Amino acid sequence: MKAEVTQQRSLLELTELDAELSRLAHRSTHLAEQQQYEQLQSEHQAANDRLAVLQIALDDLDGQTARFEAEIDGVRQREDRDRSLLNSGSAAAKQLSELQHELETLERRQASLEDSLLEVMERREELQKQQSDELAVIDRLQNELGGVGQARDTAMEDIESTRRLKVQRREGVTASLDADLLALYERLRATSGIGAGALQGRRCGACRIEIDSGELSRIAAADEDEVLRCPECGSILLRVKGFA
């Protein structure tokens, strides 16, 4: 296949445009801003999970508090009833002794219940502090997510803007290329990822492998409009001055 030097120069530009488009595509899927955003999302979810666990624990303590308060109230009512009987003077001597014993038992029970209630309330206070801390963490992460998300979107917009310009330029270059030369390039690019590369000294610009002396001699002897292929990777080998 033959191709004028201007065609080969255009093909080299096309190769560079495709390499830039590949880099842009890779960058769009490996944005540092996106990775940071995902990390913050993970931390935000973890904080929300911890908050949910704290809320369950607080609800459980509220249930315990309600039970202790109800039991304490019941004990007090029994104490009030027994004291009323004790102070009425209508109880027999045996009953008075039994009432006095029961009052002592109720007082001990009330003291024990109140100690347990105090422990629950102190534990609840600790969990409320943790809950407040987690809410502050969630607020901070939410704000950071907003900032990083905006930075990510700006980076993606810049990439897309550059990509559109490169695609527009690519369309102009391909329109100027010989159809057969373009078809060969696209077929090779679809197979190996790189359709062409400039000869750089002894090295192929596509595969970066050095070409042996015998092949280099054959390449040097070929007409300048001859479309050559790299003996190592099969890509179109471009002998374009100023790009080598």
C-alpha atoms as a PDB file:
ATOM      1  CA  MET A   1       0.000   0.000   0.000  1.00  0.00           C
ATOM      2  CA  LYS A   2       1.159   3.503  -0.867  1.00  0.00           C
ATOM      3  CA  ALA A   3       0.379   6.711   1.038  1.00  0.00           C
ATOM      4  CA  GLU A   4       1.767  10.195   0.590  1.00  0.00           C
ATOM      5  CA  VAL A   5       3.936  11.591   3.356  1.00  0.00           C
ATOM      6  CA  THR A   6       1.189  14.106   4.172  1.00  0.00           C
ATOM      7  CA  GLN A   7      -1.203  11.189   4.639  1.00  0.00           C
ATOM      8  CA  GLN A   8       1.263   9.461   6.942  1.00  0.00           C
ATOM      9  CA  ARG A   9       1.715  12.673   8.907  1.00  0.00           C
ATOM     10  CA  SER A  10      -2.064  12.925   9.310  1.00  0.00           C
ATOM     11  CA  LEU A  11      -2.174   9.279  10.382  1.00  0.00           C
ATOM     12  CA  LEU A  12       0.424   9.999  13.048  1.00  0.00           C
ATOM     13  CA  GLU A  13      -1.689  12.900  14.313  1.00  0.00           C
ATOM     14  CA  LEU A  14      -4.660  10.546  14.386  1.00  0.00           C
ATOM     15  CA  THR A  15      -2.606   8.103  16.471  1.00  0.00           C
ATOM     16  CA  GLU A  16      -1.754  10.829  18.950  1.00  0.00           C
ATOM     17  CA  LEU A  17      -5.383  11.977  19.126  1.00  0.00           C
ATOM     18  CA  ASP A  18      -6.515   8.416  19.838  1.00  0.00           C
ATOM     19  CA  ALA A  19      -3.861   8.090  22.540  1.00  0.00           C
ATOM     20  CA  GLU A  20      -5.095  11.334  24.129  1.00  0.00           C
ATOM     21  CA  LEU A  21      -8.712  10.125  23.944  1.00  0.00           C
ATOM     22  CA  SER A  22      -7.693   6.867  25.623  1.00  0.00           C
ATOM     23  CA  ARG A  23      -5.951   8.801  28.392  1.00  0.00           C
ATOM     24  CA  LEU A  24      -9.032  10.958  28.866  1.00  0.00           C
ATOM     25  CA  ALA A  25     -11.249   7.871  29.057  1.00  0.00           C
ATOM     26  CA  HIS A  26      -8.908   6.297  31.619  1.00  0.00           C
ATOM     27  CA  ARG A  27      -8.777   9.499  33.648  1.00  0.00           C
ATOM     28  CA  SER A  28     -12.570   9.779  33.684  1.00  0.00           C
ATOM     29  CA  THR A  29     -12.806   6.356  35.341  1.00  0.00           C
ATOM     30  CA  HIS A  30      -9.902   6.916  37.747  1.00  0.00           C
ATOM     31  CA  LEU A  31     -10.556  10.429  39.023  1.00  0.00           C
ATOM     32  CA  ALA A  32      -8.929  11.158  42.375  1.00  0.00           C
ATOM     33  CA  GLU A  33     -12.004  13.256  43.148  1.00  0.00           C
ATOM     34  CA  GLN A  34     -14.271  10.259  42.495  1.00  0.00           C
ATOM     35  CA  GLN A  35     -12.155   7.999  44.692  1.00  0.00           C
ATOM     36  CA  GLN A  36     -12.242  10.606  47.462  1.00  0.00           C
ATOM     37  CA  TYR A  37     -16.006  10.961  47.009  1.00  0.00           C
ATOM     38  CA  GLU A  38     -16.501   7.194  47.313  1.00  0.00           C
ATOM     39  CA  GLN A  39     -14.313   7.104  50.436  1.00  0.00           C
ATOM     40  CA  LEU A  40     -16.380   9.878  52.014  1.00  0.00           C
ATOM     41  CA  GLN A  41     -19.563   8.048  51.028  1.00  0.00           C
ATOM     42  CA  SER A  42     -18.282   4.935  52.785  1.00  0.00           C
ATOM     43  CA  GLU A  43     -17.425   6.928  55.923  1.00  0.00           C
ATOM     44  CA  HIS A  44     -20.800   8.672  55.779  1.00  0.00           C
ATOM     45  CA  GLN A  45     -22.622   5.336  55.551  1.00  0.00           C
ATOM     46  CA  ALA A  46     -20.570   3.907  58.417  1.00  0.00           C
ATOM     47  CA  ALA A  47     -21.416   6.924  60.584  1.00  0.00           C
ATOM     48  CA  ASN A  48     -25.108   6.519  59.772  1.00  0.00           C
ATOM     49  CA  ASP A  49     -24.896   2.824  60.651  1.00  0.00           C
ATOM     50  CA  ARG A  50     -23.302   3.659  64.002  1.00  0.00           C
ATOM     51  CA  LEU A  51     -25.989   6.267  64.599  1.00  0.00           C
ATOM     52  CA  ALA A  52     -28.690   3.676  63.912  1.00  0.00           C
ATOM     53  CA  VAL A  53     -27.084   1.264  66.412  1.00  0.00           C
ATOM     54  CA  LEU A  54     -26.960   4.045  69.019  1.00  0.00           C
ATOM     55  CA  GLN A  55     -30.622   4.846  68.452  1.00  0.00           C
ATOM     56  CA  ILE A  56     -31.571   1.195  68.976  1.00  0.00           C
ATOM     57  CA  ALA A  57     -29.560   1.171  72.227  1.00  0.00           C
ATOM     58  CA  LEU A  58     -31.213   4.410  73.373  1.00  0.00           C
ATOM     59  CA  ASP A  59     -34.655   3.013  72.603  1.00  0.00           C
ATOM     60  CA  ASP A  60     -33.800  -0.070  74.661  1.00  0.00           C
ATOM     61  CA  LEU A  61     -32.652   2.099  77.578  1.00  0.00           C
ATOM     62  CA  ASP A  62     -35.847   4.137  77.334  1.00  0.00           C
ATOM     63  CA  GLY A  63     -37.783   0.894  77.645  1.00  0.00           C
ATOM     64  CA  GLN A  64     -35.736  -0.089  80.704  1.00  0.00           C
ATOM     65  CA  THR A  65     -36.264   3.364  82.219  1.00  0.00           C
ATOM     66  CA  ALA A  66     -40.019   3.087  81.761  1.00  0.00           C
ATOM     67  CA  ARG A  67     -40.080  -0.362  83.396  1.00  0.00           C
ATOM     68  CA  PHE A  68     -37.975   0.751  86.367  1.00  0.00           C
ATOM     69  CA  GLU A  69     -40.077   3.872  86.873  1.00  0.00           C
ATOM     70  CA  ALA A  70     -43.293   1.817  86.716  1.00  0.00           C
ATOM     71  CA  GLU A  71     -41.910  -0.697  89.223  1.00  0.00           C
ATOM     72  CA  ILE A  72     -40.687   2.070  91.547  1.00  0.00           C
ATOM     73  CA  ASP A  73     -44.100   3.689  91.381  1.00  0.00           C
ATOM     74  CA  GLY A  74     -45.721   0.348  92.268  1.00  0.00           C
ATOM     75  CA  VAL A  75     -43.392  -0.101  95.252  1.00  0.00           C
ATOM     76  CA  ARG A  76     -44.183   3.419  96.489  1.00  0.00           C
ATOM     77  CA  GLN A  77     -47.880   2.790  96.244  1.00  0.00           C
ATOM     78  CA  ARG A  78     -47.491  -0.371  98.347  1.00  0.00           C
ATOM     79  CA  GLU A  79     -45.381   1.556 100.859  1.00  0.00           C
ATOM     80  CA  ASP A  80     -48.040   4.258 101.106  1.00  0.00           C
ATOM     81  CA  ARG A  81     -50.753   1.645 101.645  1.00  0.00           C
ATOM     82  CA  ASP A  82     -48.730  -0.181 104.329  1.00  0.00           C
ATOM     83  CA  ARG A  83     -47.885   3.048 106.145  1.00  0.00           C
ATOM     84  CA  SER A  84     -51.521   4.067 106.114  1.00  0.00           C
ATOM     85  CA  LEU A  85     -52.446   0.782 107.730  1.00  0.00           C
ATOM     86  CA  LEU A  86     -49.550   1.038 110.157  1.00  0.00           C
ATOM     87  CA  ASN A  87     -50.500   4.574 111.178  1.00  0.00           C
ATOM     88  CA  SER A  88     -54.243   3.869 111.395  1.00  0.00           C
ATOM     89  CA  GLY A  89     -53.857   1.956 114.638  1.00  0.00           C
ATOM     90  CA  SER A  90     -56.477  -0.554 113.507  1.00  0.00           C
ATOM     91  CA  ALA A  91     -54.040  -3.373 112.725  1.00  0.00           C
ATOM     92  CA  ALA A  92     -53.461  -6.229 115.169  1.00  0.00           C
ATOM     93  CA  ALA A  93     -50.053  -6.674 116.778  1.00  0.00           C
ATOM     94  CA  LYS A  94     -49.095  -9.537 114.447  1.00  0.00           C
ATOM     95  CA  GLN A  95     -50.199  -7.573 111.398  1.00  0.00           C
ATOM     96  CA  LEU A  96     -48.235  -4.564 112.606  1.00  0.00           C
ATOM     97  CA  SER A  97     -45.078  -6.670 112.718  1.00  0.00           C
ATOM     98  CA  GLU A  98     -45.744  -8.026 109.259  1.00  0.00           C
ATOM     99  CA  LEU A  99     -46.377  -4.511 107.896  1.00  0.00           C
ATOM    100  CA  GLN A 100     -43.147  -3.236 109.428  1.00  0.00           C
ATOM    101  CA  HIS A 101     -41.189  -6.103 107.884  1.00  0.00           C
ATOM    102  CA  GLU A 102     -42.803  -5.545 104.490  1.00  0.00           C
ATOM    103  CA  LEU A 103     -42.035  -1.811 104.618  1.00  0.00           C
ATOM    104  CA  GLU A 104     -38.369  -2.566 105.249  1.00  0.00           C
ATOM    105  CA  THR A 105     -38.364  -4.983 102.313  1.00  0.00           C
ATOM    106  CA  LEU A 106     -40.070  -2.420 100.080  1.00  0.00           C
ATOM    107  CA  GLU A 107     -37.581   0.275 101.063  1.00  0.00           C
ATOM    108  CA  ARG A 108     -34.671  -1.981 100.134  1.00  0.00           C
ATOM    109  CA  ARG A 109     -36.389  -2.880  96.860  1.00  0.00           C
ATOM    110  CA  GLN A 110     -37.026   0.766  96.059  1.00  0.00           C
ATOM    111  CA  ALA A 111     -33.397   1.679  96.776  1.00  0.00           C
ATOM    112  CA  SER A 112     -32.197  -1.145  94.526  1.00  0.00           C
ATOM    113  CA  LEU A 113     -34.565  -0.090  91.724  1.00  0.00           C
ATOM    114  CA  GLU A 114     -33.495   3.539  92.008  1.00  0.00           C
ATOM    115  CA  ASP A 115     -29.802   2.541  91.797  1.00  0.00           C
ATOM    116  CA  SER A 116     -30.548   0.504  88.662  1.00  0.00           C
ATOM    117  CA  LEU A 117     -32.522   3.399  87.198  1.00  0.00           C
ATOM    118  CA  LEU A 118     -29.615   5.759  87.882  1.00  0.00           C
ATOM    119  CA  GLU A 119     -27.202   3.409  86.092  1.00  0.00           C
ATOM    120  CA  VAL A 120     -29.528   3.287  83.091  1.00  0.00           C
ATOM    121  CA  MET A 121     -29.835   7.054  83.037  1.00  0.00           C
ATOM    122  CA  GLU A 122     -26.057   7.497  83.229  1.00  0.00           C
ATOM    123  CA  ARG A 123     -25.605   5.001  80.380  1.00  0.00           C
ATOM    124  CA  ARG A 124     -28.229   6.863  78.385  1.00  0.00           C
ATOM    125  CA  GLU A 125     -26.365  10.117  78.920  1.00  0.00           C
ATOM    126  CA  GLU A 126     -23.184   8.508  77.576  1.00  0.00           C
ATOM    127  CA  LEU A 127     -25.002   7.217  74.499  1.00  0.00           C
ATOM    128  CA  GLN A 128     -26.597  10.619  73.901  1.00  0.00           C
ATOM    129  CA  LYS A 129     -23.098  12.141  73.878  1.00  0.00           C
ATOM    130  CA  GLN A 130     -21.984   9.535  71.339  1.00  0.00           C
ATOM    131  CA  GLN A 131     -25.110  10.229  69.310  1.00  0.00           C
ATOM    132  CA  SER A 132     -24.323  13.952  69.298  1.00  0.00           C
ATOM    133  CA  ASP A 133     -20.752  13.217  68.186  1.00  0.00           C
ATOM    134  CA  GLU A 134     -21.944  10.975  65.345  1.00  0.00           C
ATOM    135  CA  LEU A 135     -24.405  13.621  64.172  1.00  0.00           C
ATOM    136  CA  ALA A 136     -21.543  16.126  64.043  1.00  0.00           C
ATOM    137  CA  VAL A 137     -19.456  13.649  62.021  1.00  0.00           C
ATOM    138  CA  ILE A 138     -22.343  13.072  59.620  1.00  0.00           C
ATOM    139  CA  ASP A 139     -22.819  16.825  59.137  1.00  0.00           C
ATOM    140  CA  ARG A 140     -19.105  17.288  58.459  1.00  0.00           C
ATOM    141  CA  LEU A 141     -18.995  14.396  55.984  1.00  0.00           C
ATOM    142  CA  GLN A 142     -22.119  15.692  54.255  1.00  0.00           C
ATOM    143  CA  ASN A 143     -20.452  19.059  53.740  1.00  0.00           C
ATOM    144  CA  GLU A 144     -17.257  17.417  52.487  1.00  0.00           C
ATOM    145  CA  LEU A 145     -19.278  15.259  50.093  1.00  0.00           C
ATOM    146  CA  GLY A 146     -20.821  18.386  48.625  1.00  0.00           C
ATOM    147  CA  GLY A 147     -17.428  20.014  48.058  1.00  0.00           C
ATOM    148  CA  VAL A 148     -15.735  16.923  46.650  1.00  0.00           C
ATOM    149  CA  GLY A 149     -18.763  16.120  44.507  1.00  0.00           C
ATOM    150  CA  GLN A 150     -18.598  19.595  42.986  1.00  0.00           C
ATOM    151  CA  ALA A 151     -14.852  19.211  42.336  1.00  0.00           C
ATOM    152  CA  ARG A 152     -15.493  15.821  40.708  1.00  0.00           C
ATOM    153  CA  ASP A 153     -18.221  17.245  38.490  1.00  0.00           C
ATOM    154  CA  THR A 154     -15.961  20.127  37.442  1.00  0.00           C
ATOM    155  CA  ALA A 155     -13.153  17.689  36.589  1.00  0.00           C
ATOM    156  CA  MET A 156     -15.562  15.553  34.562  1.00  0.00           C
ATOM    157  CA  GLU A 157     -16.820  18.619  32.714  1.00  0.00           C
ATOM    158  CA  ASP A 158     -13.231  19.587  31.856  1.00  0.00           C
ATOM    159  CA  ILE A 159     -12.523  16.078  30.607  1.00  0.00           C
ATOM    160  CA  GLU A 160     -15.685  16.027  28.523  1.00  0.00           C
ATOM    161  CA  SER A 161     -14.933  19.449  27.067  1.00  0.00           C
ATOM    162  CA  THR A 162     -11.435  18.319  26.062  1.00  0.00           C
ATOM    163  CA  ARG A 163     -12.797  15.033  24.720  1.00  0.00           C
ATOM    164  CA  ARG A 164     -15.292  16.840  22.474  1.00  0.00           C
ATOM    165  CA  LEU A 165     -12.512  18.996  21.025  1.00  0.00           C
ATOM    166  CA  LYS A 166     -10.344  15.933  20.379  1.00  0.00           C
ATOM    167  CA  VAL A 167     -13.238  14.060  18.775  1.00  0.00           C
ATOM    168  CA  GLN A 168     -13.978  17.051  16.562  1.00  0.00           C
ATOM    169  CA  ARG A 169     -10.331  17.237  15.504  1.00  0.00           C
ATOM    170  CA  ARG A 170     -10.274  13.454  14.934  1.00  0.00           C
ATOM    171  CA  GLU A 171     -13.244  13.709  12.612  1.00  0.00           C
ATOM    172  CA  GLY A 172     -11.409  16.356  10.615  1.00  0.00           C
ATOM    173  CA  VAL A 173      -8.277  14.206  10.356  1.00  0.00           C
ATOM    174  CA  THR A 174     -10.109  11.040   9.348  1.00  0.00           C
ATOM    175  CA  ALA A 175     -11.993  12.963   6.661  1.00  0.00           C
ATOM    176  CA  SER A 176      -8.663  13.833   5.041  1.00  0.00           C
ATOM    177  CA  LEU A 177      -7.265  10.291   5.071  1.00  0.00           C
ATOM    178  CA  ASP A 178      -7.328   7.773   2.261  1.00  0.00           C
ATOM    179  CA  ALA A 179     -10.172   5.329   2.916  1.00  0.00           C
ATOM    180  CA  ASP A 180      -7.991   2.203   2.582  1.00  0.00           C
ATOM    181  CA  LEU A 181      -5.277   3.609   4.848  1.00  0.00           C
ATOM    182  CA  LEU A 182      -7.860   4.609   7.456  1.00  0.00           C
ATOM    183  CA  ALA A 183      -9.540   1.201   7.261  1.00  0.00           C
ATOM    184  CA  LEU A 184      -6.196  -0.563   7.847  1.00  0.00           C
ATOM    185  CA  TYR A 185      -5.419   1.702  10.788  1.00  0.00           C
ATOM    186  CA  GLU A 186      -8.830   1.174  12.396  1.00  0.00           C
ATOM    187  CA  ARG A 187      -8.589  -2.595  11.924  1.00  0.00           C
ATOM    188  CA  LEU A 188      -5.159  -2.732  13.544  1.00  0.00           C
ATOM    189  CA  ARG A 189      -6.245  -0.425  16.367  1.00  0.00           C
ATOM    190  CA  ALA A 190      -9.282  -2.602  17.064  1.00  0.00           C
ATOM    191  CA  THR A 191      -7.016  -5.653  17.291  1.00  0.00           C
ATOM    192  CA  SER A 192      -4.058  -4.374  19.310  1.00  0.00           C
ATOM    193  CA  GLY A 193      -5.203  -1.022  20.662  1.00  0.00           C
ATOM    194  CA  ILE A 194      -2.615   0.942  18.634  1.00  0.00           C
ATOM    195  CA  GLY A 195      -2.884   1.222  14.874  1.00  0.00           C
ATOM    196  CA  ALA A 196       0.307   3.090  14.061  1.00  0.00           C
ATOM    197  CA  GLY A 197       3.483   4.515  15.533  1.00  0.00           C
ATOM    198  CA  ALA A 198       6.394   6.638  14.434  1.00  0.00           C
ATOM    199  CA  LEU A 199       9.798   5.085  13.865  1.00  0.00           C
ATOM    200  CA  GLN A 200      11.954   6.572  16.626  1.00  0.00           C
ATOM    201  CA  GLY A 201      15.560   5.681  15.979  1.00  0.00           C
ATOM    202  CA  ARG A 202      15.570   1.878  16.082  1.00  0.00           C
ATOM    203  CA  ARG A 203      12.353   1.678  18.071  1.00  0.00           C
ATOM    204  CA  CYS A 204       8.718   1.305  16.987  1.00  0.00           C
ATOM    205  CA  GLY A 205       6.596   4.038  18.546  1.00  0.00           C
ATOM    206  CA  ALA A 206       3.641   1.678  18.886  1.00  0.00           C
ATOM    207  CA  CYS A 207       5.144  -1.313  20.715  1.00  0.00           C
ATOM    208  CA  ARG A 208       8.402   0.371  21.878  1.00  0.00           C
ATOM    209  CA  ILE A 209      10.439  -2.646  20.724  1.00  0.00           C
ATOM    210  CA  GLU A 210      13.778  -2.154  18.974  1.00  0.00           C
ATOM    211  CA  ILE A 211      13.885  -3.326  15.369  1.00  0.00           C
ATOM    212  CA  ASP A 212      16.898  -5.399  14.259  1.00  0.00           C
ATOM    213  CA  SER A 213      19.434  -4.088  11.800  1.00  0.00           C
ATOM    214  CA  GLY A 214      18.234  -6.204   8.885  1.00  0.00           C
ATOM    215  CA  GLU A 215      14.685  -4.900   9.149  1.00  0.00           C
ATOM    216  CA  LEU A 216      15.950  -1.355   9.590  1.00  0.00           C
ATOM    217  CA  SER A 217      17.921  -1.672   6.357  1.00  0.00           C
ATOM    218  CA  ARG A 218      14.800  -2.857   4.530  1.00  0.00           C
ATOM    219  CA  ILE A 219      12.813   0.014   5.999  1.00  0.00           C
ATOM    220  CA  ALA A 220      15.461   2.569   4.996  1.00  0.00           C
ATOM    221  CA  ALA A 221      15.477   1.233   1.408  1.00  0.00           C
ATOM    222  CA  ALA A 222      11.685   1.447   1.005  1.00  0.00           C
ATOM    223  CA  ASP A 223      10.080   4.314  -0.901  1.00  0.00           C
ATOM    224  CA  GLU A 224       8.965   7.132   1.388  1.00  0.00           C
ATOM    225  CA  ASP A 225       5.327   6.677   0.337  1.00  0.00           C
ATOM    226  CA  GLU A 226       5.406   2.951   1.090  1.00  0.00           C
ATOM    227  CA  VAL A 227       3.155   2.026   4.012  1.00  0.00           C
ATOM    228  CA  LEU A 228       5.333  -0.158   6.222  1.00  0.00           C
ATOM    229  CA  ARG A 229       4.419  -2.416   9.124  1.00  0.00           C
ATOM    230  CA  CYS A 230       6.359  -3.004  12.321  1.00  0.00           C
ATOM    231  CA  PRO A 231       7.887  -6.501  12.162  1.00  0.00           C
ATOM    232  CA  GLU A 232       7.266  -6.918  15.907  1.00  0.00           C
ATOM    233  CA  CYS A 233       3.679  -5.720  16.513  1.00  0.00           C
ATOM    234  CA  GLY A 234       2.281  -5.322  13.006  1.00  0.00           C
ATOM    235  CA  SER A 235       1.278  -1.679  13.495  1.00  0.00           C
ATOM    236  CA  ILE A 236       1.742   0.805  10.649  1.00  0.00           C
ATOM    237  CA  LEU A 237       5.290   2.129  10.954  1.00  0.00           C
ATOM    238  CA  LEU A 238       5.456   5.821  10.091  1.00  0.00           C
ATOM    239  CA  ARG A 239       8.671   7.441   8.895  1.00  0.00           C
ATOM    240  CA  VAL A 240       7.660  11.042   9.426  1.00  0.00           C
ATOM    241  CA  LYS A 241      10.395  13.638   9.931  1.00  0.00           C
ATOM    242  CA  GLY A 242       9.888  15.895  12.912  1.00  0.00           C
ATOM    243  CA  PHE A 243       8.042  13.160  14.822  1.00  0.00           C
ATOM    244  CA  ALA A 244      10.834  10.649  15.201  1.00  0.00           C
END
